[in-house]
């Protein structure tokens, strides 16, 4: 029975010391000079990094959510507007295929974007401003098409390379479309 009392007294002593010292001392902690307590080292990101990461993730979530609500009717209104702006029917069909592809293969969408840029260059080159970088667009089209060709032949597609091609094709399409509209 004495061992039980010693064990119980030991726990009581431990509890009273824990309450008096402000908590258990964590392993490898840093001691606060003010309070005599031990605390774990901080591994938080800087405030600016945390805010930027948070804003980016919120932006991505909002864009993903809104893209789910784009209906074929909205795309129909966009197609009518494109026809009013005197874009070719082939370009309008390619825009539909870009936003509502039959096949979910991202390389097909990249191909549609490249075809749309070529169609813009062919049909709207006279309407484009003098400083439009048509030569650079053609060079970028060639590089993107070679990348699509190489990834299409590969037995396993590298996800990072596909994503990079998607981003390059989207930037090229946006640049050419903005130049054609303005």
C-alpha atoms as a PDB file:
ATOM      1  CA  UNK A   1       0.000   0.000   0.000  1.00  0.00           C
ATOM      2  CA  UNK A   2       2.897   2.319   0.617  1.00  0.00           C
ATOM      3  CA  UNK A   3       3.904   2.108  -3.028  1.00  0.00           C
ATOM      4  CA  UNK A   4       0.392   3.148  -4.063  1.00  0.00           C
ATOM      5  CA  UNK A   5       0.516   6.161  -1.728  1.00  0.00           C
ATOM      6  CA  UNK A   6       3.956   7.114  -3.039  1.00  0.00           C
ATOM      7  CA  UNK A   7       2.697   6.831  -6.612  1.00  0.00           C
ATOM      8  CA  UNK A   8      -0.398   8.920  -5.810  1.00  0.00           C
ATOM      9  CA  UNK A   9       1.662  11.523  -3.973  1.00  0.00           C
ATOM     10  CA  UNK A  10       4.044  11.658  -6.911  1.00  0.00           C
ATOM     11  CA  UNK A  11       1.169  12.450  -9.274  1.00  0.00           C
ATOM     12  CA  UNK A  12      -0.132  15.126  -6.909  1.00  0.00           C
ATOM     13  CA  UNK A  13       3.311  16.703  -6.725  1.00  0.00           C
ATOM     14  CA  UNK A  14       3.604  16.553 -10.502  1.00  0.00           C
ATOM     15  CA  UNK A  15       0.165  18.185 -10.935  1.00  0.00           C
ATOM     16  CA  UNK A  16       0.923  20.963  -8.459  1.00  0.00           C
ATOM     17  CA  UNK A  17       4.266  21.685 -10.170  1.00  0.00           C
ATOM     18  CA  UNK A  18       2.583  21.685 -13.579  1.00  0.00           C
ATOM     19  CA  UNK A  19      -0.041  24.179 -12.442  1.00  0.00           C
ATOM     20  CA  UNK A  20       2.523  26.341 -10.670  1.00  0.00           C
ATOM     21  CA  UNK A  21       4.892  26.443 -13.673  1.00  0.00           C
ATOM     22  CA  UNK A  22       2.181  27.228 -16.200  1.00  0.00           C
ATOM     23  CA  UNK A  23       2.059  23.884 -17.931  1.00  0.00           C
ATOM     24  CA  UNK A  24       4.272  20.983 -18.875  1.00  0.00           C
ATOM     25  CA  UNK A  25       7.588  21.758 -20.428  1.00  0.00           C
ATOM     26  CA  UNK A  26       7.675  20.552 -23.998  1.00  0.00           C
ATOM     27  CA  UNK A  27      10.687  18.740 -25.332  1.00  0.00           C
ATOM     28  CA  UNK A  28      13.226  20.993 -27.107  1.00  0.00           C
ATOM     29  CA  UNK A  29      11.223  24.123 -26.394  1.00  0.00           C
ATOM     30  CA  UNK A  30      12.445  27.686 -26.203  1.00  0.00           C
ATOM     31  CA  UNK A  31      12.119  29.438 -22.859  1.00  0.00           C
ATOM     32  CA  UNK A  32      10.310  32.765 -22.686  1.00  0.00           C
ATOM     33  CA  UNK A  33      12.388  35.077 -20.518  1.00  0.00           C
ATOM     34  CA  UNK A  34       9.330  37.020 -19.335  1.00  0.00           C
ATOM     35  CA  UNK A  35       7.195  34.199 -18.015  1.00  0.00           C
ATOM     36  CA  UNK A  36       9.694  31.423 -17.384  1.00  0.00           C
ATOM     37  CA  UNK A  37       7.648  29.079 -19.565  1.00  0.00           C
ATOM     38  CA  UNK A  38       8.758  26.915 -22.394  1.00  0.00           C
ATOM     39  CA  UNK A  39       7.152  27.270 -25.802  1.00  0.00           C
ATOM     40  CA  UNK A  40       7.653  25.557 -29.134  1.00  0.00           C
ATOM     41  CA  UNK A  41       9.611  27.361 -31.849  1.00  0.00           C
ATOM     42  CA  UNK A  42       7.427  29.143 -34.388  1.00  0.00           C
ATOM     43  CA  UNK A  43       7.361  27.716 -37.914  1.00  0.00           C
ATOM     44  CA  UNK A  44       4.731  30.038 -39.371  1.00  0.00           C
ATOM     45  CA  UNK A  45       5.150  31.704 -42.738  1.00  0.00           C
ATOM     46  CA  UNK A  46       5.494  35.429 -42.903  1.00  0.00           C
ATOM     47  CA  UNK A  47       2.259  37.349 -42.939  1.00  0.00           C
ATOM     48  CA  UNK A  48       2.697  38.508 -46.549  1.00  0.00           C
ATOM     49  CA  UNK A  49       3.292  34.964 -47.807  1.00  0.00           C
ATOM     50  CA  UNK A  50       0.263  33.654 -45.946  1.00  0.00           C
ATOM     51  CA  UNK A  51      -1.978  36.418 -47.310  1.00  0.00           C
ATOM     52  CA  UNK A  52      -0.760  35.918 -50.885  1.00  0.00           C
ATOM     53  CA  UNK A  53      -1.272  32.160 -50.693  1.00  0.00           C
ATOM     54  CA  UNK A  54      -4.708  32.630 -49.180  1.00  0.00           C
ATOM     55  CA  UNK A  55      -5.773  35.137 -51.832  1.00  0.00           C
ATOM     56  CA  UNK A  56      -4.533  32.860 -54.617  1.00  0.00           C
ATOM     57  CA  UNK A  57      -6.396  29.850 -53.279  1.00  0.00           C
ATOM     58  CA  UNK A  58      -9.583  31.907 -52.889  1.00  0.00           C
ATOM     59  CA  UNK A  59      -9.221  33.183 -56.464  1.00  0.00           C
ATOM     60  CA  UNK A  60      -8.754  29.639 -57.790  1.00  0.00           C
ATOM     61  CA  UNK A  61     -11.792  28.446 -55.836  1.00  0.00           C
ATOM     62  CA  UNK A  62     -13.959  31.278 -57.179  1.00  0.00           C
ATOM     63  CA  UNK A  63     -12.886  30.699 -60.784  1.00  0.00           C
ATOM     64  CA  UNK A  64     -13.526  26.961 -60.448  1.00  0.00           C
ATOM     65  CA  UNK A  65     -16.939  27.593 -58.945  1.00  0.00           C
ATOM     66  CA  UNK A  66     -17.932  30.106 -61.618  1.00  0.00           C
ATOM     67  CA  UNK A  67     -16.756  27.863 -64.450  1.00  0.00           C
ATOM     68  CA  UNK A  68     -19.263  25.262 -63.265  1.00  0.00           C
ATOM     69  CA  UNK A  69     -22.104  27.716 -63.834  1.00  0.00           C
ATOM     70  CA  UNK A  70     -21.277  28.584 -67.450  1.00  0.00           C
ATOM     71  CA  UNK A  71     -24.183  27.239 -69.423  1.00  0.00           C
ATOM     72  CA  UNK A  72     -24.473  26.518 -73.143  1.00  0.00           C
ATOM     73  CA  UNK A  73     -26.935  29.432 -73.352  1.00  0.00           C
ATOM     74  CA  UNK A  74     -24.267  31.832 -72.125  1.00  0.00           C
ATOM     75  CA  UNK A  75     -21.897  30.440 -74.702  1.00  0.00           C
ATOM     76  CA  UNK A  76     -24.639  30.908 -77.299  1.00  0.00           C
ATOM     77  CA  UNK A  77     -24.821  34.616 -76.436  1.00  0.00           C
ATOM     78  CA  UNK A  78     -21.055  34.813 -76.704  1.00  0.00           C
ATOM     79  CA  UNK A  79     -21.170  33.106 -80.113  1.00  0.00           C
ATOM     80  CA  UNK A  80     -23.757  35.640 -81.318  1.00  0.00           C
ATOM     81  CA  UNK A  81     -21.552  38.488 -80.115  1.00  0.00           C
ATOM     82  CA  UNK A  82     -18.540  36.978 -81.904  1.00  0.00           C
ATOM     83  CA  UNK A  83     -20.543  36.771 -85.134  1.00  0.00           C
ATOM     84  CA  UNK A  84     -21.623  40.400 -84.719  1.00  0.00           C
ATOM     85  CA  UNK A  85     -17.938  41.301 -84.406  1.00  0.00           C
ATOM     86  CA  UNK A  86     -17.404  39.587 -87.786  1.00  0.00           C
ATOM     87  CA  UNK A  87     -15.417  36.605 -86.555  1.00  0.00           C
ATOM     88  CA  UNK A  88     -15.503  33.579 -88.853  1.00  0.00           C
ATOM     89  CA  UNK A  89     -17.830  30.645 -88.215  1.00  0.00           C
ATOM     90  CA  UNK A  90     -14.811  28.374 -87.907  1.00  0.00           C
ATOM     91  CA  UNK A  91     -13.447  30.559 -85.103  1.00  0.00           C
ATOM     92  CA  UNK A  92     -16.822  30.536 -83.301  1.00  0.00           C
ATOM     93  CA  UNK A  93     -16.931  26.722 -83.516  1.00  0.00           C
ATOM     94  CA  UNK A  94     -13.384  26.505 -82.158  1.00  0.00           C
ATOM     95  CA  UNK A  95     -14.330  28.750 -79.227  1.00  0.00           C
ATOM     96  CA  UNK A  96     -17.226  26.394 -78.459  1.00  0.00           C
ATOM     97  CA  UNK A  97     -14.869  23.415 -78.599  1.00  0.00           C
ATOM     98  CA  UNK A  98     -12.414  25.186 -76.287  1.00  0.00           C
ATOM     99  CA  UNK A  99     -15.019  25.832 -73.606  1.00  0.00           C
ATOM    100  CA  UNK A 100     -17.116  22.671 -74.075  1.00  0.00           C
ATOM    101  CA  UNK A 101     -14.788  19.999 -75.476  1.00  0.00           C
ATOM    102  CA  UNK A 102     -16.312  16.662 -76.480  1.00  0.00           C
ATOM    103  CA  UNK A 103     -13.182  14.895 -75.285  1.00  0.00           C
ATOM    104  CA  UNK A 104     -11.693  15.799 -71.919  1.00  0.00           C
ATOM    105  CA  UNK A 105      -8.125  15.463 -73.217  1.00  0.00           C
ATOM    106  CA  UNK A 106      -6.293  18.729 -72.412  1.00  0.00           C
ATOM    107  CA  UNK A 107      -4.048  18.337 -75.460  1.00  0.00           C
ATOM    108  CA  UNK A 108      -7.138  18.512 -77.695  1.00  0.00           C
ATOM    109  CA  UNK A 109      -8.123  21.801 -76.065  1.00  0.00           C
ATOM    110  CA  UNK A 110      -4.588  23.110 -76.651  1.00  0.00           C
ATOM    111  CA  UNK A 111      -4.938  22.087 -80.300  1.00  0.00           C
ATOM    112  CA  UNK A 112      -8.273  23.921 -80.561  1.00  0.00           C
ATOM    113  CA  UNK A 113      -6.687  27.040 -79.082  1.00  0.00           C
ATOM    114  CA  UNK A 114      -3.845  26.850 -81.611  1.00  0.00           C
ATOM    115  CA  UNK A 115      -6.346  26.398 -84.456  1.00  0.00           C
ATOM    116  CA  UNK A 116      -8.323  29.405 -83.179  1.00  0.00           C
ATOM    117  CA  UNK A 117      -5.191  31.582 -83.116  1.00  0.00           C
ATOM    118  CA  UNK A 118      -4.319  30.506 -86.681  1.00  0.00           C
ATOM    119  CA  UNK A 119      -7.871  31.328 -87.774  1.00  0.00           C
ATOM    120  CA  UNK A 120      -7.611  34.751 -86.127  1.00  0.00           C
ATOM    121  CA  UNK A 121      -4.323  35.450 -87.879  1.00  0.00           C
ATOM    122  CA  UNK A 122      -5.725  34.399 -91.254  1.00  0.00           C
ATOM    123  CA  UNK A 123      -9.049  36.220 -91.044  1.00  0.00           C
ATOM    124  CA  UNK A 124      -8.235  39.272 -88.936  1.00  0.00           C
ATOM    125  CA  UNK A 125      -4.641  40.077 -89.935  1.00  0.00           C
ATOM    126  CA  UNK A 126      -5.807  43.119 -91.907  1.00  0.00           C
ATOM    127  CA  UNK A 127      -7.806  44.405 -88.927  1.00  0.00           C
ATOM    128  CA  UNK A 128      -5.012  43.886 -86.388  1.00  0.00           C
ATOM    129  CA  UNK A 129      -2.914  46.869 -85.390  1.00  0.00           C
ATOM    130  CA  UNK A 130       0.453  47.425 -87.010  1.00  0.00           C
ATOM    131  CA  UNK A 131       2.345  46.507 -83.858  1.00  0.00           C
ATOM    132  CA  UNK A 132       0.560  43.137 -83.383  1.00  0.00           C
ATOM    133  CA  UNK A 133       3.244  40.477 -82.923  1.00  0.00           C
ATOM    134  CA  UNK A 134       1.979  38.114 -85.635  1.00  0.00           C
ATOM    135  CA  UNK A 135       5.451  36.671 -86.244  1.00  0.00           C
ATOM    136  CA  UNK A 136       5.873  35.899 -82.546  1.00  0.00           C
ATOM    137  CA  UNK A 137       2.415  34.300 -82.446  1.00  0.00           C
ATOM    138  CA  UNK A 138       3.303  32.046 -85.378  1.00  0.00           C
ATOM    139  CA  UNK A 139       6.586  31.046 -83.714  1.00  0.00           C
ATOM    140  CA  UNK A 140       4.818  30.275 -80.449  1.00  0.00           C
ATOM    141  CA  UNK A 141       2.165  28.288 -82.355  1.00  0.00           C
ATOM    142  CA  UNK A 142       4.899  26.152 -83.892  1.00  0.00           C
ATOM    143  CA  UNK A 143       6.514  25.509 -80.510  1.00  0.00           C
ATOM    144  CA  UNK A 144       3.202  24.622 -78.866  1.00  0.00           C
ATOM    145  CA  UNK A 145       2.235  22.281 -81.712  1.00  0.00           C
ATOM    146  CA  UNK A 146       5.608  20.502 -81.476  1.00  0.00           C
ATOM    147  CA  UNK A 147       5.061  20.079 -77.748  1.00  0.00           C
ATOM    148  CA  UNK A 148       1.577  18.650 -78.334  1.00  0.00           C
ATOM    149  CA  UNK A 149       3.003  16.278 -80.939  1.00  0.00           C
ATOM    150  CA  UNK A 150       5.748  15.064 -78.587  1.00  0.00           C
ATOM    151  CA  UNK A 151       3.388  14.590 -75.663  1.00  0.00           C
ATOM    152  CA  UNK A 152       0.836  12.861 -77.886  1.00  0.00           C
ATOM    153  CA  UNK A 153       3.425  10.258 -78.912  1.00  0.00           C
ATOM    154  CA  UNK A 154       4.627   9.640 -75.359  1.00  0.00           C
ATOM    155  CA  UNK A 155       3.235   6.513 -73.686  1.00  0.00           C
ATOM    156  CA  UNK A 156       2.819   8.385 -70.370  1.00  0.00           C
ATOM    157  CA  UNK A 157       1.964  12.080 -70.439  1.00  0.00           C
ATOM    158  CA  UNK A 158       3.877  14.278 -68.039  1.00  0.00           C
ATOM    159  CA  UNK A 159       1.252  16.248 -66.138  1.00  0.00           C
ATOM    160  CA  UNK A 160       3.530  19.254 -65.579  1.00  0.00           C
ATOM    161  CA  UNK A 161       4.403  19.524 -69.266  1.00  0.00           C
ATOM    162  CA  UNK A 162       0.743  19.256 -70.267  1.00  0.00           C
ATOM    163  CA  UNK A 163      -0.155  21.991 -67.768  1.00  0.00           C
ATOM    164  CA  UNK A 164       2.654  24.204 -69.072  1.00  0.00           C
ATOM    165  CA  UNK A 165       1.408  23.746 -72.647  1.00  0.00           C
ATOM    166  CA  UNK A 166      -2.128  24.544 -71.553  1.00  0.00           C
ATOM    167  CA  UNK A 167      -0.966  27.774 -69.939  1.00  0.00           C
ATOM    168  CA  UNK A 168       1.125  28.801 -72.947  1.00  0.00           C
ATOM    169  CA  UNK A 169      -1.738  28.106 -75.350  1.00  0.00           C
ATOM    170  CA  UNK A 170      -4.187  30.029 -73.177  1.00  0.00           C
ATOM    171  CA  UNK A 171      -1.865  33.044 -72.980  1.00  0.00           C
ATOM    172  CA  UNK A 172      -1.361  32.965 -76.739  1.00  0.00           C
ATOM    173  CA  UNK A 173      -5.097  32.681 -77.408  1.00  0.00           C
ATOM    174  CA  UNK A 174      -5.889  35.509 -74.963  1.00  0.00           C
ATOM    175  CA  UNK A 175      -3.236  37.727 -76.510  1.00  0.00           C
ATOM    176  CA  UNK A 176      -4.432  37.176 -80.064  1.00  0.00           C
ATOM    177  CA  UNK A 177      -8.108  37.513 -79.143  1.00  0.00           C
ATOM    178  CA  UNK A 178      -7.498  40.745 -77.230  1.00  0.00           C
ATOM    179  CA  UNK A 179      -5.588  42.187 -80.189  1.00  0.00           C
ATOM    180  CA  UNK A 180      -8.392  41.180 -82.577  1.00  0.00           C
ATOM    181  CA  UNK A 181     -11.150  42.693 -80.433  1.00  0.00           C
ATOM    182  CA  UNK A 182      -9.331  45.976 -79.742  1.00  0.00           C
END
